[in-house]
Protein backbone atom coordinates (compact mmCIF):
# COMPACT_ATOMS: atom_id res chain seq x y z
CA UNK A 1 -26.22 20.14 9.31
CA UNK A 2 -24.88 19.58 5.80
CA UNK A 3 -24.14 15.88 5.25
CA UNK A 4 -21.82 14.64 2.51
CA UNK A 5 -21.60 10.93 1.72
CA UNK A 6 -21.15 8.42 -1.05
CA UNK A 7 -18.23 6.52 -2.50
CA UNK A 8 -14.76 7.67 -3.46
CA UNK A 9 -11.18 6.45 -3.82
CA UNK A 10 -8.81 6.40 -0.85
CA UNK A 11 -5.49 4.74 -0.10
CA UNK A 12 -3.38 5.51 -3.17
CA UNK A 13 -0.32 3.21 -3.01
CA UNK A 14 2.35 1.50 -5.15
CA UNK A 15 2.33 4.08 -7.92
CA UNK A 16 4.39 3.43 -11.04
CA UNK A 17 4.05 6.23 -13.55
CA UNK A 18 0.36 7.08 -13.86
CA UNK A 19 -0.78 3.66 -12.61
CA UNK A 20 -1.46 2.99 -8.94
CA UNK A 21 -3.62 0.94 -6.58
CA UNK A 22 -6.49 2.48 -4.62
CA UNK A 23 -9.65 1.38 -2.85
CA UNK A 24 -13.20 2.63 -3.15
CA UNK A 25 -14.67 3.39 0.29
CA UNK A 26 -18.12 4.30 1.42
CA UNK A 27 -17.60 7.64 3.17
CA UNK A 28 -19.45 10.10 5.35
CA UNK A 29 -18.32 13.69 5.73
CA UNK A 30 -15.21 12.69 3.74
CA UNK A 31 -14.21 10.05 6.33
CA UNK A 32 -13.89 6.47 4.95
CA UNK A 33 -16.28 4.06 6.66
CA UNK A 34 -15.63 0.67 5.04
CA UNK A 35 -13.88 -0.58 1.88
CA UNK A 36 -15.99 -1.62 -1.10
CA UNK A 37 -13.55 -2.62 -3.86
CA UNK A 38 -9.83 -2.26 -4.60
CA UNK A 39 -8.68 -1.29 -8.09
CA UNK A 40 -5.70 -0.83 -10.35
CA UNK A 41 -6.22 2.76 -11.48
CA UNK A 42 -4.97 2.84 -15.05
CA UNK A 43 -5.94 6.41 -15.92
CA UNK A 44 -7.45 9.28 -13.98
CA UNK A 45 -10.43 11.15 -15.33
CA UNK A 46 -12.22 14.34 -14.42
CA UNK A 47 -14.65 14.62 -11.52
CA UNK A 48 -13.47 11.39 -9.87
CA UNK A 49 -13.99 9.31 -13.01
CA UNK A 50 -11.14 6.86 -13.52
CA UNK A 51 -10.36 3.91 -15.74
CA UNK A 52 -9.84 1.01 -13.34
CA UNK A 53 -9.31 -2.74 -13.21
CA UNK A 54 -11.01 -4.46 -10.28
CA UNK A 55 -8.79 -6.60 -8.05
CA UNK A 56 -9.16 -8.37 -4.73
CA UNK A 57 -9.08 -6.30 -1.54
CA UNK A 58 -5.67 -4.66 -1.19
CA UNK A 59 -5.18 -4.39 2.56
CA UNK A 60 -2.24 -1.99 2.39
CA UNK A 61 -4.39 0.41 0.40
CA UNK A 62 -7.24 -0.03 2.89
CA UNK A 63 -4.98 0.66 5.88
CA UNK A 64 -3.43 3.66 4.15
CA UNK A 65 -6.85 5.09 3.37
CA UNK A 66 -7.85 4.95 7.03
CA UNK A 67 -4.50 6.27 8.32
CA UNK A 68 -4.42 9.27 6.00
CA UNK A 69 -7.99 10.39 6.56
CA UNK A 70 -8.19 9.81 10.30
CA UNK A 71 -4.57 10.86 10.82
CA UNK A 72 -5.39 14.36 9.65
CA UNK A 73 -8.44 14.43 11.93
CA UNK A 74 -6.40 13.16 14.89
CA UNK A 75 -3.73 15.81 14.27
CA UNK A 76 -6.33 18.59 14.25
CA UNK A 77 -8.12 17.23 17.32
CA UNK A 78 -4.84 16.88 19.25
CA UNK A 79 -3.73 20.37 18.23
CA UNK A 80 -5.86 22.39 20.66
CA UNK A 81 -5.31 20.39 23.89
CA UNK A 82 -1.70 19.71 22.88
CA UNK A 83 -0.90 23.37 22.42
CA UNK A 84 -2.74 24.24 25.64
CA UNK A 85 -0.56 21.72 27.47
CA UNK A 86 2.57 23.02 25.72
CA UNK A 87 1.82 26.50 27.06
CA UNK A 88 1.25 25.40 30.66
CA UNK A 89 3.56 26.38 33.50
CA UNK A 90 4.40 22.75 34.30
CA UNK A 91 7.44 21.61 32.33
CA UNK A 92 6.59 17.84 32.00
CA UNK A 93 3.05 18.68 30.91
CA UNK A 94 4.36 21.13 28.32
CA UNK A 95 6.58 18.48 26.73
CA UNK A 96 3.78 15.89 26.77
CA UNK A 97 1.45 18.30 24.97
CA UNK A 98 4.04 19.14 22.31
CA UNK A 99 4.88 15.46 21.89
CA UNK A 100 1.19 14.56 21.43
CA UNK A 101 0.85 17.00 18.53
CA UNK A 102 4.13 15.95 16.90
CA UNK A 103 3.37 12.21 17.16
CA UNK A 104 -0.07 12.56 15.55
CA UNK A 105 1.35 14.75 12.78
CA UNK A 106 4.30 12.37 12.32
CA UNK A 107 2.02 9.37 11.82
CA UNK A 108 -0.02 11.33 9.28
CA UNK A 109 3.16 12.33 7.45
CA UNK A 110 4.33 8.70 7.37
CA UNK A 111 0.97 7.61 5.95
CA UNK A 112 1.27 10.13 3.12
CA UNK A 113 5.01 10.01 2.41
CA UNK A 114 6.24 6.52 3.30
CA UNK A 115 3.55 3.83 3.34
CA UNK A 116 2.93 2.34 -0.08
CA UNK A 117 5.92 4.03 -1.74
CA UNK A 118 8.02 1.81 -4.01
CA UNK A 119 11.79 1.84 -4.32
CA UNK A 120 13.42 2.27 -7.70
CA UNK A 121 14.13 -1.47 -7.97
CA UNK A 122 10.53 -2.32 -7.09
CA UNK A 123 9.30 0.02 -9.81
CA UNK A 124 11.66 -1.58 -12.33
CA UNK A 125 10.39 -5.04 -11.38
CA UNK A 126 6.77 -3.98 -11.82
CA UNK A 127 7.55 -2.55 -15.25
CA UNK A 128 8.90 -5.98 -16.20
CA UNK A 129 5.75 -7.65 -14.85
CA UNK A 130 3.66 -5.21 -16.91
CA UNK A 131 4.92 -6.78 -20.15
CA UNK A 132 3.15 -10.01 -19.23
CA UNK A 133 0.40 -8.88 -16.82
CA UNK A 134 -0.67 -5.79 -18.73
CA UNK A 135 -0.18 -3.45 -15.74
CA UNK A 136 2.86 -2.51 -13.57
CA UNK A 137 1.64 -4.26 -10.43
CA UNK A 138 2.78 -7.16 -8.29
CA UNK A 139 1.16 -10.44 -9.48
CA UNK A 140 -0.18 -11.13 -5.98
CA UNK A 141 -2.86 -8.42 -6.37
CA UNK A 142 -4.57 -10.50 -9.08
CA UNK A 143 -6.93 -13.33 -8.23
CA UNK A 144 -5.67 -16.92 -8.31
CA UNK A 145 -7.48 -17.89 -11.51
CA UNK A 146 -5.96 -15.00 -13.43
CA UNK A 147 -2.49 -15.74 -12.05
CA UNK A 148 -2.86 -19.39 -12.97
CA UNK A 149 -3.90 -18.53 -16.52
CA UNK A 150 -0.98 -16.12 -16.99
CA UNK A 151 1.45 -18.66 -15.49
CA UNK A 152 0.38 -21.32 -18.00
CA UNK A 153 0.85 -18.92 -20.92
CA UNK A 154 4.31 -18.02 -19.60
CA UNK A 155 5.28 -21.70 -19.31
CA UNK A 156 4.22 -22.33 -22.90
CA UNK A 157 6.15 -19.28 -24.05
CA UNK A 158 9.29 -20.28 -22.12
CA UNK A 159 9.22 -23.81 -23.48
CA UNK A 160 9.01 -22.56 -27.06
CA UNK A 161 11.61 -19.88 -26.47
CA UNK A 162 14.00 -22.30 -24.77
CA UNK A 163 14.21 -24.61 -27.77
CA UNK A 164 15.33 -21.74 -30.01
CA UNK A 165 17.59 -20.12 -27.42
CA UNK A 166 19.46 -23.28 -26.45
CA UNK A 167 19.97 -24.59 -30.01
CA UNK A 168 22.64 -21.98 -30.57
CA UNK A 169 24.35 -22.91 -27.30
CA UNK A 170 25.18 -26.48 -28.42
CA UNK A 171 22.89 -28.17 -25.90
CA UNK A 172 21.37 -31.57 -26.43
CA UNK A 173 17.91 -31.09 -27.86
CA UNK A 174 15.30 -31.37 -25.14
CA UNK A 175 17.78 -31.86 -22.29
CA UNK A 176 17.86 -28.43 -20.61
CA UNK A 177 14.34 -27.60 -21.76
CA UNK A 178 12.84 -30.55 -19.89
CA UNK A 179 14.81 -29.58 -16.77
CA UNK A 180 12.42 -26.66 -16.27
CA UNK A 181 12.57 -22.91 -16.70
CA UNK A 182 14.19 -22.34 -13.29
CA UNK A 183 17.26 -24.41 -14.14
CA UNK A 184 17.52 -23.09 -17.68
CA UNK A 185 17.07 -19.43 -16.74
CA UNK A 186 19.90 -19.63 -14.22
CA UNK A 187 22.29 -21.30 -16.70
CA UNK A 188 25.28 -18.96 -17.25
CA UNK A 189 24.89 -19.25 -21.03
CA UNK A 190 21.23 -18.11 -20.96
CA UNK A 191 21.30 -14.38 -21.69
CA UNK A 192 18.13 -13.95 -23.70
CA UNK A 193 16.50 -10.93 -22.09
CA UNK A 194 12.92 -11.75 -22.99
CA UNK A 195 13.32 -15.27 -21.67
CA UNK A 196 14.85 -14.03 -18.40
CA UNK A 197 12.10 -11.43 -17.89
CA UNK A 198 9.37 -14.00 -18.55
CA UNK A 199 11.02 -16.48 -16.17
CA UNK A 200 11.40 -13.71 -13.57
CA UNK A 201 7.68 -12.92 -13.79
CA UNK A 202 6.70 -16.59 -13.68
CA UNK A 203 8.85 -17.17 -10.58
CA UNK A 204 7.02 -14.32 -8.85
CA UNK A 205 3.64 -15.80 -9.79
CA UNK A 206 4.74 -19.27 -8.64
CA UNK A 207 5.83 -17.82 -5.29
CA UNK A 208 2.45 -16.11 -4.84
CA UNK A 209 0.61 -19.37 -5.56
CA UNK A 210 2.80 -21.65 -3.42
CA UNK A 211 3.32 -22.25 0.29
CA UNK A 212 6.09 -23.65 2.46
CA UNK A 213 9.31 -24.94 0.80
CA UNK A 214 7.91 -24.51 -2.72
CA UNK A 215 7.27 -20.84 -2.04
CA UNK A 216 10.75 -20.39 -0.58
CA UNK A 217 12.32 -22.05 -3.64
CA UNK A 218 10.34 -19.84 -6.03
CA UNK A 219 11.36 -16.73 -4.08
CA UNK A 220 15.00 -17.84 -4.22
CA UNK A 221 14.81 -18.25 -8.00
CA UNK A 222 13.01 -14.90 -8.29
CA UNK A 223 15.79 -13.13 -6.39
CA UNK A 224 18.53 -14.93 -8.34
CA UNK A 225 16.91 -13.99 -11.66
CA UNK A 226 16.67 -10.35 -10.62
CA UNK A 227 20.38 -10.29 -9.79
CA UNK A 228 21.12 -11.92 -13.15
CA UNK A 229 18.99 -9.37 -14.99
CA UNK A 230 20.86 -6.54 -13.27
CA UNK A 231 24.20 -8.12 -14.18
CA UNK A 232 23.36 -9.00 -17.79
CA UNK A 233 21.09 -6.04 -18.58
CA UNK A 234 21.79 -3.16 -16.16
CA UNK A 235 19.58 -0.83 -18.22
CA UNK A 236 16.49 -2.43 -16.62
CA UNK A 237 16.72 0.33 -14.02
CA UNK A 238 16.91 3.07 -16.64
CA UNK A 239 13.32 2.49 -17.77
CA UNK A 240 12.18 3.69 -14.35
CA UNK A 241 13.19 7.26 -15.23
CA UNK A 242 10.36 7.67 -17.73
CA UNK A 243 7.86 6.37 -15.18
CA UNK A 244 9.25 8.67 -12.48
CA UNK A 245 8.94 11.68 -14.78
CA UNK A 246 5.21 10.97 -15.12
CA UNK A 247 4.82 10.28 -11.41
CA UNK A 248 6.97 13.04 -9.98
CA UNK A 249 5.10 16.04 -8.67
CA UNK A 250 6.59 18.48 -6.19
CA UNK A 251 3.11 19.19 -4.85
CA UNK A 252 2.45 15.56 -3.89
CA UNK A 253 5.99 15.18 -2.54
CA UNK A 254 5.82 18.26 -0.32
CA UNK A 255 2.18 17.97 0.73
CA UNK A 256 2.80 14.86 2.81
CA UNK A 257 5.28 16.69 5.06
CA UNK A 258 3.04 19.69 5.75
CA UNK A 259 1.40 18.25 8.92
CA UNK A 260 4.73 17.38 10.56
CA UNK A 261 6.47 20.64 9.63
CA UNK A 262 3.49 22.70 10.79
CA UNK A 263 3.26 20.79 14.08
CA UNK A 264 6.97 21.17 14.76
CA UNK A 265 6.86 24.88 14.03
CA UNK A 266 3.81 25.55 16.23
CA UNK A 267 5.15 23.46 19.13
CA UNK A 268 8.54 25.18 18.99
CA UNK A 269 6.85 28.58 19.18
CA UNK A 270 4.71 27.48 22.14
CA UNK A 271 7.67 26.03 24.02
CA UNK A 272 9.83 29.07 23.33
CA UNK A 273 7.08 31.31 24.72
CA UNK A 274 6.81 29.17 27.82
CA UNK A 275 8.85 30.85 30.58
CA UNK A 276 8.95 27.58 32.53
CA UNK A 277 10.72 25.75 29.67
CA UNK A 278 13.01 28.52 28.43
CA UNK A 279 13.69 31.10 31.12
CA UNK A 280 14.32 34.23 29.15
CA UNK A 281 13.87 36.41 32.25
CA UNK A 282 13.78 35.64 35.97
CA UNK A 283 10.32 35.06 37.39
CA UNK A 284 8.99 37.30 40.16
CA UNK A 285 9.63 34.60 42.76
CA UNK A 286 13.32 34.51 41.82
CA UNK A 287 13.91 38.25 41.95
CA UNK A 288 16.54 39.18 44.51
CA UNK A 289 15.73 41.91 47.00
CA UNK A 290 17.24 45.24 46.12
CA UNK A 291 19.23 47.08 48.78
CA UNK A 292 19.58 50.85 48.71
CA UNK A 293 21.12 53.56 50.89
CA UNK A 294 19.18 55.56 53.43
CA UNK A 295 20.32 59.19 53.83
CA UNK A 296 22.22 59.68 57.07
CA UNK A 297 19.95 62.53 58.26
CA UNK A 298 16.92 60.22 58.20
CA UNK A 299 18.65 57.83 60.58
CA UNK A 300 19.01 60.48 63.26
């Protein structure tokens, strides 16, 4: 028996443009066995060579890698007994068999087409993070030391930027600056885009590093800053178009729905061919006796 094994990437999620998150798995016969390392894939190369940045284990990517690989296997394994049940003469069994195939294919389709997909707003937010993190990813995927270092640099930047931004707004020198970036960023007069984007990113990092009420407060500020960015600079969503042009591929979009569409089509054919489900013609047991006429001379 020919055995194929080694390491390869599985679980591609949270793609923005050409950047996405994936996990290297040890695999056997192309089935992932256990995760080795998660990465930010910055650029794809030939023959499975990619430029990556190592990150902590990304559990959504790990789960997606398992679901996609084993979902396809489960769909194929369920196909034969499922179709055999769909073609049986017993109506409940026929529906159970068809349902088994459709459910397995539906879960596989969800793993390919839904899990790990970002909305347009989420992509726009990650593009803002990329200006300070270097990559369009959520700050929580980075380790705590790296997040702490970036947070300190952002605080220093915001403090310097605040002094210049608030001087033109007739504020007392040092007053609003010492109140903290959260208060200053939410001031109605603060419209400096770079300041708001840096504060938005820092609020996200603070939320990922905090717990309890402090985390809730940081998340509240993060959401409020996003709404302010949309109100003051609605073009933040327009930058997503360029990333979507790079990311969009009709092959990858359609491929995820192939298992479900194929399963639905095959099951419909099997059920339509099943005389017990759709009675196109009366069965032999339901045929009515035919009555004819006997010639009168034979009755004599």
